[in-house]
């Protein structure tokens, strides 16, 4: 669906309108990875890609948490911009079946260019997020010469005595990256990913070394606390909840039993795979 043609009329907004508190935006790594994946899959003729941002709003509706995103088909020419709104709504309906608590909070684009077409797209998403302002995330990939990679967030404000959808000013708002505990381990693996392929045993060895290092840190902290050094009571209770239940199991050989079960499952999976390959080869040999 075509959003419209560009307009050059820009003047001062003298009309009154709704006043919003400036929202603060937190964005999760999953949303950034979705945007980057969309950018990598773009066609050669696309200068930028756009998509819908999904997330939640906090208390007071001035704290927005962007948790996910999905791509939206669009095309831009020198005369108009077209956005597949039906595809956008179909994708949102599908996402609601998986995460019904997440709603549309805005849209994203790659690059740092904000033009009249951006204002038209912003106007469309403002209708989707009403009565709240639509958040625009601009992700600069840093692939263009002279541009630095980064993430910026904006909201829009209409300009003109009689504001038009294509006439708007983008106001920067603060944006921060928030990483959950479950996401932190995955980011750590990506950050320290080797350049050459690593086997499963080598990866397991590296993970076990990291676990041993963390246990050594916890043990040193507990010994210092037992020796009379001031310690955090809340941290102690957390360590008791996390490790207390597993201490008895370790004494009973629970860790060894669990490791044996894991190795047995891996062995059975490899055995089934080998049998499937042998059956496929025999079927080819005995085929008429």
Protein backbone atom coordinates (compact mmCIF):
# COMPACT_ATOMS: atom_id res chain seq x y z
CA UNK A 1 0.00 0.00 0.00
CA UNK A 2 1.43 3.36 -1.02
CA UNK A 3 1.86 5.88 1.78
CA UNK A 4 2.20 8.96 -0.40
CA UNK A 5 4.57 11.30 -2.17
CA UNK A 6 7.15 13.57 -0.57
CA UNK A 7 6.38 17.15 0.36
CA UNK A 8 8.70 20.07 0.89
CA UNK A 9 6.39 22.20 3.00
CA UNK A 10 7.86 22.62 6.50
CA UNK A 11 6.85 25.38 8.92
CA UNK A 12 6.38 25.97 12.62
CA UNK A 13 3.69 24.08 14.47
CA UNK A 14 1.39 26.51 16.21
CA UNK A 15 -1.44 24.11 16.89
CA UNK A 16 -1.95 22.37 20.19
CA UNK A 17 -1.78 18.59 20.44
CA UNK A 18 -1.30 15.78 22.93
CA UNK A 19 1.70 16.15 25.22
CA UNK A 20 3.65 13.00 26.11
CA UNK A 21 6.35 12.47 28.64
CA UNK A 22 9.62 11.65 26.96
CA UNK A 23 9.84 7.85 27.04
CA UNK A 24 13.01 5.91 27.78
CA UNK A 25 13.72 2.87 25.63
CA UNK A 26 15.51 -0.35 26.50
CA UNK A 27 16.26 -2.79 23.70
CA UNK A 28 17.14 -6.47 24.04
CA UNK A 29 19.76 -8.32 21.97
CA UNK A 30 17.11 -10.51 20.31
CA UNK A 31 15.58 -7.44 18.66
CA UNK A 32 18.96 -6.20 17.43
CA UNK A 33 19.82 -9.62 15.99
CA UNK A 34 16.49 -9.71 14.13
CA UNK A 35 17.22 -6.30 12.60
CA UNK A 36 20.75 -7.29 11.58
CA UNK A 37 19.51 -10.57 10.09
CA UNK A 38 16.96 -8.63 8.03
CA UNK A 39 19.70 -6.27 6.85
CA UNK A 40 21.92 -9.17 5.76
CA UNK A 41 19.06 -10.69 3.73
CA UNK A 42 18.20 -7.47 1.87
CA UNK A 43 18.30 -7.24 -1.92
CA UNK A 44 21.01 -5.39 -3.78
CA UNK A 45 18.63 -2.56 -4.67
CA UNK A 46 17.53 -1.86 -1.09
CA UNK A 47 19.24 1.06 0.60
CA UNK A 48 17.65 0.22 3.94
CA UNK A 49 15.22 -2.22 5.51
CA UNK A 50 12.34 -1.54 7.87
CA UNK A 51 10.26 -3.62 10.27
CA UNK A 52 7.99 -3.63 13.30
CA UNK A 53 9.16 -3.42 16.90
CA UNK A 54 7.43 -5.53 19.55
CA UNK A 55 7.68 -4.96 23.28
CA UNK A 56 6.00 -3.86 26.46
CA UNK A 57 5.36 -0.60 28.26
CA UNK A 58 6.21 -0.13 31.92
CA UNK A 59 4.46 1.78 34.66
CA UNK A 60 3.46 5.25 33.61
CA UNK A 61 3.80 4.19 29.95
CA UNK A 62 7.04 6.20 29.66
CA UNK A 63 9.35 3.16 29.82
CA UNK A 64 9.35 1.05 26.67
CA UNK A 65 11.08 -2.33 26.48
CA UNK A 66 11.76 -3.55 22.92
CA UNK A 67 11.94 -7.35 23.09
CA UNK A 68 11.57 -8.44 19.48
CA UNK A 69 11.09 -7.37 15.88
CA UNK A 70 9.98 -8.73 12.53
CA UNK A 71 10.68 -7.60 8.97
CA UNK A 72 8.13 -5.75 6.85
CA UNK A 73 8.24 -5.67 3.05
CA UNK A 74 8.60 -2.21 1.56
CA UNK A 75 9.95 -0.39 -1.48
CA UNK A 76 11.19 3.16 -1.96
CA UNK A 77 11.56 5.18 -5.13
CA UNK A 78 12.21 8.83 -5.84
CA UNK A 79 8.44 9.39 -6.07
CA UNK A 80 6.86 7.26 -3.34
CA UNK A 81 7.30 4.66 -0.62
CA UNK A 82 5.15 1.54 -0.34
CA UNK A 83 4.73 -0.64 2.74
CA UNK A 84 3.00 -4.03 2.79
CA UNK A 85 0.54 -3.31 5.60
CA UNK A 86 -1.34 -6.59 5.15
CA UNK A 87 1.88 -8.53 5.69
CA UNK A 88 2.63 -6.40 8.76
CA UNK A 89 -0.75 -7.14 10.34
CA UNK A 90 -0.56 -10.86 9.47
CA UNK A 91 2.86 -11.14 11.12
CA UNK A 92 1.61 -9.30 14.20
CA UNK A 93 -1.36 -11.67 14.50
CA UNK A 94 1.04 -14.63 14.41
CA UNK A 95 3.31 -13.08 17.04
CA UNK A 96 0.32 -12.51 19.31
CA UNK A 97 -0.28 -16.26 19.41
CA UNK A 98 3.22 -16.77 20.79
CA UNK A 99 3.65 -13.64 22.94
CA UNK A 100 0.22 -12.14 23.66
CA UNK A 101 1.69 -9.69 26.19
CA UNK A 102 3.83 -7.96 23.56
CA UNK A 103 2.35 -5.16 21.50
CA UNK A 104 3.52 -2.90 18.69
CA UNK A 105 5.70 -0.14 20.12
CA UNK A 106 7.13 1.30 16.91
CA UNK A 107 9.33 0.47 13.93
CA UNK A 108 12.96 0.19 12.96
CA UNK A 109 15.13 1.06 9.99
CA UNK A 110 18.78 0.61 9.13
CA UNK A 111 21.01 3.57 8.40
CA UNK A 112 20.91 7.08 9.80
CA UNK A 113 18.92 8.79 7.04
CA UNK A 114 15.68 10.36 8.30
CA UNK A 115 13.65 11.85 5.44
CA UNK A 116 10.09 12.53 4.38
CA UNK A 117 9.50 8.84 3.77
CA UNK A 118 10.53 8.16 7.36
CA UNK A 119 7.88 10.64 8.48
CA UNK A 120 5.23 8.84 6.41
CA UNK A 121 6.15 5.47 7.89
CA UNK A 122 6.23 7.02 11.36
CA UNK A 123 2.72 8.35 10.81
CA UNK A 124 1.49 4.85 9.93
CA UNK A 125 3.02 3.31 13.05
CA UNK A 126 1.68 6.15 15.21
CA UNK A 127 -1.78 4.92 14.27
CA UNK A 128 -0.78 1.38 15.26
CA UNK A 129 0.53 2.45 18.70
CA UNK A 130 -2.12 5.09 19.51
CA UNK A 131 -2.68 6.60 22.02
CA UNK A 132 1.06 6.23 22.70
CA UNK A 133 3.78 7.69 20.48
CA UNK A 134 5.53 5.31 18.10
CA UNK A 135 9.20 4.59 18.83
CA UNK A 136 11.62 4.64 15.92
CA UNK A 137 14.89 2.71 16.26
CA UNK A 138 17.60 3.63 13.75
CA UNK A 139 20.32 0.99 13.61
CA UNK A 140 23.47 2.10 11.84
CA UNK A 141 25.40 -1.00 10.78
CA UNK A 142 28.65 0.90 10.22
CA UNK A 143 29.15 -0.65 6.78
CA UNK A 144 29.04 2.70 5.00
CA UNK A 145 32.24 4.73 4.77
CA UNK A 146 32.47 7.46 7.39
CA UNK A 147 29.57 6.12 9.47
CA UNK A 148 29.91 4.60 12.92
CA UNK A 149 27.83 1.65 14.07
CA UNK A 150 25.27 2.47 16.74
CA UNK A 151 21.64 2.56 17.79
CA UNK A 152 19.48 5.67 18.16
CA UNK A 153 15.86 6.07 19.22
CA UNK A 154 13.36 8.76 18.23
CA UNK A 155 9.80 9.89 18.63
CA UNK A 156 8.15 12.29 16.23
CA UNK A 157 6.37 15.60 16.56
CA UNK A 158 4.23 17.15 13.78
CA UNK A 159 5.28 20.49 12.28
CA UNK A 160 3.22 23.02 10.40
CA UNK A 161 0.18 25.18 11.04
CA UNK A 162 -1.86 22.41 9.43
CA UNK A 163 0.35 19.35 10.03
CA UNK A 164 0.63 16.79 7.26
CA UNK A 165 1.74 13.16 7.75
CA UNK A 166 4.92 13.74 5.75
CA UNK A 167 5.92 16.79 7.81
CA UNK A 168 7.40 15.76 11.15
CA UNK A 169 10.50 16.30 13.22
CA UNK A 170 12.24 13.37 14.90
CA UNK A 171 13.20 14.01 18.53
CA UNK A 172 16.01 11.85 19.98
CA UNK A 173 15.22 9.93 23.18
CA UNK A 174 17.52 7.86 25.44
CA UNK A 175 18.03 4.20 24.55
CA UNK A 176 19.95 1.53 26.48
CA UNK A 177 20.80 -2.12 25.87
CA UNK A 178 19.39 -4.55 28.44
CA UNK A 179 20.72 -8.09 28.68
CA UNK A 180 18.97 -10.75 30.74
CA UNK A 181 20.86 -13.52 32.51
CA UNK A 182 19.65 -16.07 29.97
CA UNK A 183 20.89 -13.88 27.11
CA UNK A 184 24.22 -13.07 28.73
CA UNK A 185 25.60 -16.59 28.35
CA UNK A 186 24.68 -16.68 24.68
CA UNK A 187 26.34 -13.32 24.05
CA UNK A 188 29.42 -14.54 25.89
CA UNK A 189 29.66 -17.53 23.55
CA UNK A 190 29.27 -15.29 20.50
CA UNK A 191 31.88 -12.86 21.78
CA UNK A 192 34.41 -15.62 22.35
CA UNK A 193 33.51 -17.72 19.33
CA UNK A 194 36.62 -19.29 17.77
CA UNK A 195 37.49 -18.58 14.15
CA UNK A 196 37.90 -22.31 13.38
CA UNK A 197 35.33 -25.05 14.10
CA UNK A 198 35.50 -26.53 17.60
CA UNK A 199 34.37 -30.03 18.54
CA UNK A 200 31.73 -30.80 21.13
CA UNK A 201 34.26 -32.08 23.67
CA UNK A 202 36.43 -28.98 23.31
CA UNK A 203 33.37 -26.75 23.78
CA UNK A 204 32.35 -28.80 26.84
CA UNK A 205 35.86 -28.49 28.27
CA UNK A 206 35.81 -24.71 27.83
CA UNK A 207 32.39 -24.45 29.49
CA UNK A 208 33.48 -26.61 32.44
CA UNK A 209 36.56 -24.44 32.94
CA UNK A 210 34.34 -21.35 33.11
CA UNK A 211 32.12 -23.10 35.67
CA UNK A 212 35.15 -24.06 37.77
CA UNK A 213 36.42 -20.48 37.70
CA UNK A 214 33.05 -19.20 38.94
CA UNK A 215 32.95 -21.85 41.68
CA UNK A 216 36.45 -20.81 42.79
CA UNK A 217 35.28 -17.21 43.05
CA UNK A 218 32.24 -18.24 45.09
CA UNK A 219 34.41 -20.42 47.36
CA UNK A 220 36.89 -17.60 47.95
CA UNK A 221 34.06 -15.23 48.80
CA UNK A 222 32.50 -17.75 51.23
CA UNK A 223 35.86 -18.34 52.95
CA UNK A 224 36.40 -14.61 53.41
CA UNK A 225 32.89 -14.26 54.86
CA UNK A 226 33.52 -17.20 57.24
CA UNK A 227 36.77 -15.54 58.35
CA UNK A 228 34.85 -12.46 59.51
CA UNK A 229 35.11 -10.17 56.49
CA UNK A 230 31.95 -8.08 55.92
CA UNK A 231 29.66 -9.76 53.38
CA UNK A 232 26.30 -9.18 51.75
CA UNK A 233 23.54 -11.18 53.48
CA UNK A 234 21.29 -11.10 50.39
CA UNK A 235 24.10 -12.53 48.26
CA UNK A 236 24.66 -15.27 50.83
CA UNK A 237 21.00 -16.27 50.74
CA UNK A 238 21.09 -16.31 46.95
CA UNK A 239 24.14 -18.59 46.96
CA UNK A 240 22.43 -20.90 49.47
CA UNK A 241 19.34 -21.14 47.25
CA UNK A 242 21.42 -21.75 44.12
CA UNK A 243 24.00 -24.18 45.51
CA UNK A 244 22.56 -25.53 48.76
CA UNK A 245 20.18 -27.97 47.11
CA UNK A 246 22.92 -29.35 44.88
CA UNK A 247 25.50 -29.95 47.62
CA UNK A 248 23.86 -33.14 48.91
CA UNK A 249 23.48 -34.46 45.38
CA UNK A 250 27.17 -33.91 44.73
CA UNK A 251 28.01 -35.94 47.84
CA UNK A 252 25.79 -38.77 46.66
CA UNK A 253 27.37 -38.84 43.23
CA UNK A 254 24.53 -36.96 41.58
CA UNK A 255 26.83 -35.06 39.24
CA UNK A 256 28.50 -38.27 38.02
CA UNK A 257 25.12 -39.89 37.44
CA UNK A 258 23.88 -36.89 35.48
CA UNK A 259 27.03 -36.83 33.37
CA UNK A 260 26.66 -40.55 32.62
CA UNK A 261 23.06 -39.99 31.53
CA UNK A 262 24.16 -37.21 29.20
CA UNK A 263 26.88 -39.32 27.66
CA UNK A 264 24.47 -42.24 27.25
CA UNK A 265 21.94 -40.03 25.44
CA UNK A 266 24.69 -38.73 23.14
CA UNK A 267 25.82 -42.30 22.42
CA UNK A 268 22.27 -43.45 21.63
CA UNK A 269 21.71 -40.47 19.33
CA UNK A 270 24.89 -41.26 17.40
CA UNK A 271 23.90 -44.93 17.23
CA UNK A 272 20.47 -44.11 15.81
CA UNK A 273 22.05 -41.77 13.26
CA UNK A 274 24.49 -44.46 12.18
CA UNK A 275 21.70 -47.04 11.83
CA UNK A 276 19.65 -44.64 9.73
CA UNK A 277 22.58 -44.07 7.38
CA UNK A 278 23.23 -47.81 7.06
CA UNK A 279 19.53 -48.47 6.31
CA UNK A 280 19.52 -45.77 3.65
CA UNK A 281 22.61 -47.20 1.96
CA UNK A 282 21.18 -50.76 2.05
CA UNK A 283 17.97 -49.50 0.51
CA UNK A 284 19.95 -47.99 -2.37
CA UNK A 285 21.93 -51.21 -2.89
CA UNK A 286 18.89 -53.52 -2.87
CA UNK A 287 16.75 -51.21 -4.99
CA UNK A 288 15.86 -52.80 -8.40
